[in-house]
Each structure stands twice: as C-alpha cells, then as structure tokens.
PDB file of N, CA and C in Angstrom:
ATOM      1  N   MET A   1     156.105  61.827  62.685  1.00  0.00           N
ATOM      2  CA  MET A   1     154.654  61.589  62.916  1.00  0.00           C
ATOM      3  C   MET A   1     154.521  59.984  62.823  1.00  0.00           C
ATOM      4  N   THR A   2     154.076  59.555  63.239  1.00  0.00           N
ATOM      5  CA  THR A   2     153.594  58.627  63.101  1.00  0.00           C
ATOM      6  C   THR A   2     152.972  57.863  61.731  1.00  0.00           C
ATOM      7  N   THR A   3     153.486  56.678  62.080  1.00  0.00           N
ATOM      8  CA  THR A   3     152.330  56.240  60.636  1.00  0.00           C
ATOM      9  C   THR A   3     151.820  55.552  60.337  1.00  0.00           C
ATOM     10  N   ALA A   4     150.985  54.603  59.900  1.00  0.00           N
ATOM     11  CA  ALA A   4     150.135  53.954  60.041  1.00  0.00           C
ATOM     12  C   ALA A   4     149.497  52.785  59.203  1.00  0.00           C
ATOM     13  N   PRO A   5     149.284  51.512  58.922  1.00  0.00           N
ATOM     14  CA  PRO A   5     149.305  50.983  58.005  1.00  0.00           C
ATOM     15  C   PRO A   5     148.372  51.300  57.247  1.00  0.00           C
ATOM     16  N   PRO A   6     147.925  51.388  55.709  1.00  0.00           N
ATOM     17  CA  PRO A   6     147.033  52.246  54.763  1.00  0.00           C
ATOM     18  C   PRO A   6     145.701  51.798  55.605  1.00  0.00           C
ATOM     19  N   SER A   7     145.290  50.574  55.599  1.00  0.00           N
ATOM     20  CA  SER A   7     144.151  49.651  56.260  1.00  0.00           C
ATOM     21  C   SER A   7     143.564  50.832  57.858  1.00  0.00           C
ATOM     22  N   VAL A   8     144.278  51.509  58.489  1.00  0.00           N
ATOM     23  CA  VAL A   8     143.831  51.960  59.756  1.00  0.00           C
ATOM     24  C   VAL A   8     143.725  53.633  59.456  1.00  0.00           C
ATOM     25  N   GLY A   9     144.250  54.144  58.815  1.00  0.00           N
ATOM     26  CA  GLY A   9     143.909  55.922  58.453  1.00  0.00           C
ATOM     27  C   GLY A   9     143.253  56.291  59.297  1.00  0.00           C
ATOM     28  N   HIS A  10     143.087  58.011  59.182  1.00  0.00           N
ATOM     29  CA  HIS A  10     143.348  58.744  59.689  1.00  0.00           C
ATOM     30  C   HIS A  10     141.508  58.983  60.364  1.00  0.00           C
ATOM     31  N   ARG A  11     140.951  57.977  61.256  1.00  0.00           N
ATOM     32  CA  ARG A  11     140.285  58.249  61.734  1.00  0.00           C
ATOM     33  C   ARG A  11     139.646  58.658  62.907  1.00  0.00           C
ATOM     34  N   TYR A  12     138.536  58.960  63.492  1.00  0.00           N
ATOM     35  CA  TYR A  12     138.526  59.564  65.134  1.00  0.00           C
ATOM     36  C   TYR A  12     137.908  58.687  65.862  1.00  0.00           C
ATOM     37  N   ARG A  13     138.502  59.157  66.958  1.00  0.00           N
ATOM     38  CA  ARG A  13     138.107  58.226  68.389  1.00  0.00           C
ATOM     39  C   ARG A  13     136.980  58.725  68.866  1.00  0.00           C
ATOM     40  N   ARG A  14     135.580  58.032  68.978  1.00  0.00           N
ATOM     41  CA  ARG A  14     134.887  58.980  70.005  1.00  0.00           C
ATOM     42  C   ARG A  14     135.297  58.362  71.627  1.00  0.00           C
ATOM     43  N   PRO A  15     135.213  59.154  72.200  1.00  0.00           N
ATOM     44  CA  PRO A  15     134.388  60.853  72.329  1.00  0.00           C
ATOM     45  C   PRO A  15     135.069  61.477  71.834  1.00  0.00           C
ATOM     46  N   SER A  16     136.513  61.360  72.590  1.00  0.00           N
ATOM     47  CA  SER A  16     137.326  62.462  72.299  1.00  0.00           C
ATOM     48  C   SER A  16     137.643  63.272  70.576  1.00  0.00           C
ATOM     49  N   TRP A  17     136.984  62.693  69.348  1.00  0.00           N
ATOM     50  CA  TRP A  17     137.330  63.327  68.068  1.00  0.00           C
ATOM     51  C   TRP A  17     138.123  63.467  68.095  1.00  0.00           C
ATOM     52  N   ASP A  18     139.703  63.234  68.515  1.00  0.00           N
ATOM     53  CA  ASP A  18     140.729  62.865  68.452  1.00  0.00           C
ATOM     54  C   ASP A  18     141.261  62.005  66.922  1.00  0.00           C
ATOM     55  N   CYS A  19     142.150  61.984  66.388  1.00  0.00           N
ATOM     56  CA  CYS A  19     142.165  61.168  65.123  1.00  0.00           C
ATOM     57  C   CYS A  19     142.807  60.273  65.907  1.00  0.00           C
ATOM     58  N   ARG A  20     143.065  58.749  65.315  1.00  0.00           N
ATOM     59  CA  ARG A  20     143.348  57.392  66.061  1.00  0.00           C
ATOM     60  C   ARG A  20     144.619  57.409  65.527  1.00  0.00           C
ATOM     61  N   VAL A  21     145.690  57.955  64.904  1.00  0.00           N
ATOM     62  CA  VAL A  21     146.724  57.923  64.314  1.00  0.00           C
ATOM     63  C   VAL A  21     147.339  58.979  64.880  1.00  0.00           C
ATOM     64  N   CYS A  22     147.217  60.013  64.977  1.00  0.00           N
ATOM     65  CA  CYS A  22     148.068  61.477  64.899  1.00  0.00           C
ATOM     66  C   CYS A  22     147.840  62.081  66.051  1.00  0.00           C
ATOM     67  N   ARG A  23     146.744  61.265  66.860  1.00  0.00           N
ATOM     68  CA  ARG A  23     145.575  62.301  67.976  1.00  0.00           C
ATOM     69  C   ARG A  23     146.004  63.598  68.033  1.00  0.00           C
ATOM     70  N   GLN A  24     145.843  64.464  66.840  1.00  0.00           N
ATOM     71  CA  GLN A  24     145.029  65.909  66.624  1.00  0.00           C
ATOM     72  C   GLN A  24     143.675  65.813  66.707  1.00  0.00           C
ATOM     73  N   PRO A  25     143.510  66.822  66.499  1.00  0.00           N
ATOM     74  CA  PRO A  25     141.937  66.865  66.285  1.00  0.00           C
ATOM     75  C   PRO A  25     141.497  66.892  64.748  1.00  0.00           C
ATOM     76  N   TRP A  26     140.513  66.116  65.132  1.00  0.00           N
ATOM     77  CA  TRP A  26     139.786  64.907  63.574  1.00  0.00           C
ATOM     78  C   TRP A  26     138.546  65.946  63.302  1.00  0.00           C
ATOM     79  N   PRO A  27     138.901  66.412  61.649  1.00  0.00           N
ATOM     80  CA  PRO A  27     139.749  65.976  60.832  1.00  0.00           C
ATOM     81  C   PRO A  27     140.920  66.820  60.620  1.00  0.00           C
ATOM     82  N   CYS A  28     142.212  65.700  60.965  1.00  0.00           N
ATOM     83  CA  CYS A  28     143.522  66.122  61.136  1.00  0.00           C
ATOM     84  C   CYS A  28     143.653  66.201  59.056  1.00  0.00           C
ATOM     85  N   THR A  29     145.099  66.616  59.243  1.00  0.00           N
ATOM     86  CA  THR A  29     145.295  67.482  58.020  1.00  0.00           C
ATOM     87  C   THR A  29     144.977  66.191  56.951  1.00  0.00           C
ATOM     88  N   PRO A  30     145.720  64.934  57.759  1.00  0.00           N
ATOM     89  CA  PRO A  30     145.930  63.539  56.399  1.00  0.00           C
ATOM     90  C   PRO A  30     144.303  63.213  56.565  1.00  0.00           C
ATOM     91  N   ALA A  31     143.424  63.369  57.632  1.00  0.00           N
ATOM     92  CA  ALA A  31     142.224  63.084  57.110  1.00  0.00           C
ATOM     93  C   ALA A  31     141.378  64.324  56.433  1.00  0.00           C
ATOM     94  N   LYS A  32     141.743  65.092  56.325  1.00  0.00           N
ATOM     95  CA  LYS A  32     140.792  65.635  55.394  1.00  0.00           C
ATOM     96  C   LYS A  32     141.480  65.791  53.688  1.00  0.00           C
ATOM     97  N   ALA A  33     142.800  65.557  53.602  1.00  0.00           N
ATOM     98  CA  ALA A  33     143.841  65.037  52.074  1.00  0.00           C
ATOM     99  C   ALA A  33     142.687  63.280  51.638  1.00  0.00           C
ATOM    100  N   VAL A  34     141.941  63.136  52.668  1.00  0.00           N
ATOM    101  CA  VAL A  34     141.823  61.366  52.497  1.00  0.00           C
ATOM    102  C   VAL A  34     140.236  61.773  51.562  1.00  0.00           C
ATOM    103  N   LEU A  35     139.416  62.875  52.764  1.00  0.00           N
ATOM    104  CA  LEU A  35     138.211  62.896  51.960  1.00  0.00           C
ATOM    105  C   LEU A  35     138.243  63.874  51.317  1.00  0.00           C
ATOM    106  N   LEU A  36     138.853  64.620  50.481  1.00  0.00           N
ATOM    107  CA  LEU A  36     138.798  65.367  49.232  1.00  0.00           C
ATOM    108  C   LEU A  36     139.042  64.238  48.066  1.00  0.00           C
ATOM    109  N   VAL A  37     139.763  63.793  48.299  1.00  0.00           N
ATOM    110  CA  VAL A  37     140.041  62.465  47.672  1.00  0.00           C
ATOM    111  C   VAL A  37     138.896  61.219  47.360  1.00  0.00           C
ATOM    112  N   GLN A  38     138.155  61.021  48.200  1.00  0.00           N
ATOM    113  CA  GLN A  38     136.975  59.990  48.492  1.00  0.00           C
ATOM    114  C   GLN A  38     135.832  60.984  48.353  1.00  0.00           C
ATOM    115  N   PHE A  39     135.710  62.135  48.280  1.00  0.00           N
ATOM    116  CA  PHE A  39     134.427  62.830  47.967  1.00  0.00           C
ATOM    117  C   PHE A  39     134.387  64.101  46.157  1.00  0.00           C
ATOM    118  N   ARG A  40     135.629  63.417  45.963  1.00  0.00           N
ATOM    119  CA  ARG A  40     136.165  64.321  45.043  1.00  0.00           C
ATOM    120  C   ARG A  40     135.149  64.562  43.905  1.00  0.00           C
ATOM    121  N   ALA A  41     134.342  63.197  42.844  1.00  0.00           N
ATOM    122  CA  ALA A  41     133.418  63.095  42.653  1.00  0.00           C
ATOM    123  C   ALA A  41     131.801  63.808  42.595  1.00  0.00           C
ATOM    124  N   PHE A  42     131.524  63.840  44.162  1.00  0.00           N
ATOM    125  CA  PHE A  42     130.498  64.453  44.767  1.00  0.00           C
ATOM    126  C   PHE A  42     130.908  65.604  45.910  1.00  0.00           C
ATOM    127  N   PRO A  43     131.960  66.661  45.461  1.00  0.00           N
ATOM    128  CA  PRO A  43     132.105  67.382  46.408  1.00  0.00           C
ATOM    129  C   PRO A  43     131.166  68.260  47.120  1.00  0.00           C
ATOM    130  N   THR A  44     129.931  68.435  47.093  1.00  0.00           N
ATOM    131  CA  THR A  44     128.758  68.905  47.610  1.00  0.00           C
ATOM    132  C   THR A  44     128.260  67.993  48.461  1.00  0.00           C
ATOM    133  N   VAL A  45     128.587  66.720  48.655  1.00  0.00           N
ATOM    134  CA  VAL A  45     127.832  65.785  49.584  1.00  0.00           C
ATOM    135  C   VAL A  45     129.220  65.466  50.387  1.00  0.00           C
ATOM    136  N   LEU A  46     130.443  66.264  50.502  1.00  0.00           N
ATOM    137  CA  LEU A  46     130.909  66.394  51.250  1.00  0.00           C
ATOM    138  C   LEU A  46     130.776  67.076  52.623  1.00  0.00           C
ATOM    139  N   PRO A  47     130.659  68.963  52.664  1.00  0.00           N
ATOM    140  CA  PRO A  47     130.028  69.457  53.806  1.00  0.00           C
ATOM    141  C   PRO A  47     128.992  68.804  54.651  1.00  0.00           C
ATOM    142  N   ILE A  48     127.938  67.755  54.133  1.00  0.00           N
ATOM    143  CA  ILE A  48     126.573  67.092  54.050  1.00  0.00           C
ATOM    144  C   ILE A  48     127.592  66.149  55.092  1.00  0.00           C
ATOM    145  N   TYR A  49     128.334  64.979  54.462  1.00  0.00           N
ATOM    146  CA  TYR A  49     128.989  64.453  55.413  1.00  0.00           C
ATOM    147  C   TYR A  49     129.265  64.799  56.977  1.00  0.00           C
ATOM    148  N   LEU A  50     130.271  65.692  56.513  1.00  0.00           N
ATOM    149  CA  LEU A  50     130.958  66.334  57.746  1.00  0.00           C
ATOM    150  C   LEU A  50     130.269  67.028  58.785  1.00  0.00           C
ATOM    151  N   SER A  51     128.904  67.717  58.453  1.00  0.00           N
ATOM    152  CA  SER A  51     127.907  67.860  59.388  1.00  0.00           C
ATOM    153  C   SER A  51     127.488  66.880  60.017  1.00  0.00           C
ATOM    154  N   GLY A  52     127.303  66.173  60.306  1.00  0.00           N
ATOM    155  CA  GLY A  52     126.954  64.787  60.412  1.00  0.00           C
ATOM    156  C   GLY A  52     127.384  64.226  61.344  1.00  0.00           C
ATOM    157  N   ARG A  53     129.103  64.408  61.062  1.00  0.00           N
ATOM    158  CA  ARG A  53     130.013  64.247  61.792  1.00  0.00           C
ATOM    159  C   ARG A  53     130.195  65.384  63.295  1.00  0.00           C
ATOM    160  N   MET A  54     130.256  66.690  62.178  1.00  0.00           N
ATOM    161  CA  MET A  54     130.019  67.406  63.731  1.00  0.00           C
ATOM    162  C   MET A  54     129.060  67.249  64.428  1.00  0.00           C
ATOM    163  N   PHE A  55     127.518  66.943  64.481  1.00  0.00           N
ATOM    164  CA  PHE A  55     126.830  66.975  64.965  1.00  0.00           C
ATOM    165  C   PHE A  55     126.753  65.755  66.013  1.00  0.00           C
ATOM    166  N   ALA A  56     127.699  64.865  65.408  1.00  0.00           N
ATOM    167  CA  ALA A  56     127.982  63.612  66.658  1.00  0.00           C
ATOM    168  C   ALA A  56     128.984  63.841  67.286  1.00  0.00           C
ATOM    169  N   ALA A  57     130.239  64.966  67.047  1.00  0.00           N
ATOM    170  CA  ALA A  57     131.198  65.018  68.286  1.00  0.00           C
ATOM    171  C   ALA A  57     130.161  66.407  68.986  1.00  0.00           C
ATOM    172  N   TRP A  58     129.675  66.787  68.411  1.00  0.00           N
ATOM    173  CA  TRP A  58     128.368  68.249  69.578  1.00  0.00           C
ATOM    174  C   TRP A  58     128.114  67.405  70.585  1.00  0.00           C
ATOM    175  N   GLY A  59     127.233  66.070  70.530  1.00  0.00           N
ATOM    176  CA  GLY A  59     126.913  65.461  71.739  1.00  0.00           C
ATOM    177  C   GLY A  59     128.211  64.872  72.535  1.00  0.00           C
ATOM    178  N   ASP A  60     129.332  64.791  71.887  1.00  0.00           N
ATOM    179  CA  ASP A  60     129.895  63.869  72.479  1.00  0.00           C
ATOM    180  C   ASP A  60     130.857  64.820  72.923  1.00  0.00           C
ATOM    181  N   LEU A  61     131.315  65.957  72.929  1.00  0.00           N
ATOM    182  CA  LEU A  61     131.959  67.228  73.224  1.00  0.00           C
ATOM    183  C   LEU A  61     131.138  68.245  74.323  1.00  0.00           C
ATOM    184  N   GLN A  62     129.933  68.206  73.994  1.00  0.00           N
ATOM    185  CA  GLN A  62     129.289  69.179  75.011  1.00  0.00           C
ATOM    186  C   GLN A  62     129.255  68.806  76.099  1.00  0.00           C
ATOM    187  N   ALA A  63     129.500  69.866  77.296  1.00  0.00           N
ATOM    188  CA  ALA A  63     129.303  69.745  78.615  1.00  0.00           C
ATOM    189  C   ALA A  63     128.322  69.857  79.089  1.00  0.00           C
ATOM    190  N   PRO A  64     127.480  68.499  79.956  1.00  0.00           N
ATOM    191  CA  PRO A  64     125.957  68.938  79.981  1.00  0.00           C
ATOM    192  C   PRO A  64     125.952  70.312  81.141  1.00  0.00           C
ATOM    193  N   GLY A  65     124.713  70.916  80.143  1.00  0.00           N
ATOM    194  CA  GLY A  65     123.924  72.198  80.727  1.00  0.00           C
ATOM    195  C   GLY A  65     125.126  73.653  79.860  1.00  0.00           C
ATOM    196  N   GLN A  66     126.009  72.894  79.545  1.00  0.00           N
ATOM    197  CA  GLN A  66     126.880  74.366  78.397  1.00  0.00           C
ATOM    198  C   GLN A  66     126.293  73.905  76.992  1.00  0.00           C
ATOM    199  N   ALA A  67     126.778  75.188  75.976  1.00  0.00           N
ATOM    200  CA  ALA A  67     126.284  75.104  74.576  1.00  0.00           C
ATOM    201  C   ALA A  67     128.202  74.221  74.514  1.00  0.00           C
ATOM    202  N   ALA A  68     127.857  73.810  72.997  1.00  0.00           N
ATOM    203  CA  ALA A  68     128.592  73.273  72.335  1.00  0.00           C
ATOM    204  C   ALA A  68     130.014  73.972  71.886  1.00  0.00           C
ATOM    205  N   PRO A  69     130.835  73.525  71.781  1.00  0.00           N
ATOM    206  CA  PRO A  69     132.322  74.059  71.726  1.00  0.00           C
ATOM    207  C   PRO A  69     131.857  75.048  70.330  1.00  0.00           C
ATOM    208  N   PRO A  70     132.523  76.161  70.056  1.00  0.00           N
ATOM    209  CA  PRO A  70     131.824  77.065  69.162  1.00  0.00           C
ATOM    210  C   PRO A  70     132.958  77.297  67.934  1.00  0.00           C
ATOM    211  N   GLU A  71     133.957  75.995  68.236  1.00  0.00           N
ATOM    212  CA  GLU A  71     134.694  75.669  66.803  1.00  0.00           C
ATOM    213  C   GLU A  71     133.979  74.847  66.147  1.00  0.00           C
ATOM    214  N   LEU A  72     133.008  74.038  66.443  1.00  0.00           N
ATOM    215  CA  LEU A  72     132.289  73.186  65.749  1.00  0.00           C
ATOM    216  C   LEU A  72     132.621  72.982  64.393  1.00  0.00           C
ATOM    217  N   TYR A  73     132.161  74.162  63.823  1.00  0.00           N
ATOM    218  CA  TYR A  73     131.630  74.190  63.015  1.00  0.00           C
ATOM    219  C   TYR A  73     133.372  74.202  61.645  1.00  0.00           C
ATOM    220  N   GLU A  74     133.820  75.568  62.293  1.00  0.00           N
ATOM    221  CA  GLU A  74     135.228  75.520  61.379  1.00  0.00           C
ATOM    222  C   GLU A  74     135.837  74.247  61.643  1.00  0.00           C
ATOM    223  N   ARG A  75     136.314  73.430  62.219  1.00  0.00           N
ATOM    224  CA  ARG A  75     136.848  72.339  62.450  1.00  0.00           C
ATOM    225  C   ARG A  75     136.273  71.385  61.480  1.00  0.00           C
ATOM    226  N   PHE A  76     135.337  71.318  61.568  1.00  0.00           N
ATOM    227  CA  PHE A  76     134.473  70.345  60.816  1.00  0.00           C
ATOM    228  C   PHE A  76     134.192  70.554  59.260  1.00  0.00           C
ATOM    229  N   VAL A  77     133.581  71.412  59.397  1.00  0.00           N
ATOM    230  CA  VAL A  77     132.871  71.879  57.919  1.00  0.00           C
ATOM    231  C   VAL A  77     133.226  72.871  56.922  1.00  0.00           C
ATOM    232  N   SER A  78     133.767  73.943  57.434  1.00  0.00           N
ATOM    233  CA  SER A  78     134.016  75.158  56.680  1.00  0.00           C
ATOM    234  C   SER A  78     134.952  74.820  55.981  1.00  0.00           C
ATOM    235  N   TRP A  79     136.125  74.289  56.286  1.00  0.00           N
ATOM    236  CA  TRP A  79     137.411  73.960  55.589  1.00  0.00           C
ATOM    237  C   TRP A  79     136.898  72.979  54.252  1.00  0.00           C
ATOM    238  N   ALA A  80     135.776  72.563  54.291  1.00  0.00           N
ATOM    239  CA  ALA A  80     135.458  71.868  52.744  1.00  0.00           C
ATOM    240  C   ALA A  80     134.828  72.351  52.170  1.00  0.00           C
ATOM    241  N   HIS A  81     134.219  73.493  52.291  1.00  0.00           N
ATOM    242  CA  HIS A  81     133.792  74.508  51.300  1.00  0.00           C
ATOM    243  C   HIS A  81     134.384  75.705  50.523  1.00  0.00           C
ATOM    244  N   HIS A  82     135.909  75.291  50.702  1.00  0.00           N
ATOM    245  CA  HIS A  82     136.883  76.483  50.282  1.00  0.00           C
ATOM    246  C   HIS A  82     137.755  75.545  49.315  1.00  0.00           C
ATOM    247  N   HIS A  83     137.409  74.354  49.298  1.00  0.00           N
ATOM    248  CA  HIS A  83     138.236  73.086  48.240  1.00  0.00           C
ATOM    249  C   HIS A  83     137.156  72.650  47.155  1.00  0.00           C
TER     250      HIS A  83
END
C-alpha cells in the first residue's frame, strides 16, 4: 500500500471519485476511518456530509442520458449508519 504524508490524506479526486492516495473508490477504508474520527462528536452529521459528497459524485459519474450508478448510496452513505 502506498503511504502519504499525513497532510495529504485519503481524499477524493474528481471526476473519478477515486482516492488520491490508494486509488480505490472513495471513501476508501482509510478515509472511512478518518471520517469516523472526525465526526465522532457529531455522528448524525456524517451521513449528511456523505450525502452531499454522493450527490456531487452522482453528477460527475452519471453518463449523459443515463441513471446514476446504483451503488452510490452503498458506497457513500450506508456504511456510516452502521457505526
């Protein structure tokens, strides 16, 4: 696995929505761990934040004239409800 300086972090790259560090679909496992820590004091806000990212990704990943990829909710939001 590629490591990055702490200041870089596992952030998304638009328009692909892959992680800038590990190139996995964002939020990747390290990004999820960081998000859980960052939103620990306000856990109900995490799904709201992720919903915003999901809708931004929807616009980037949706092919013209096609429906959005069906896995976006699972990828961006559903995991946050289980923590």
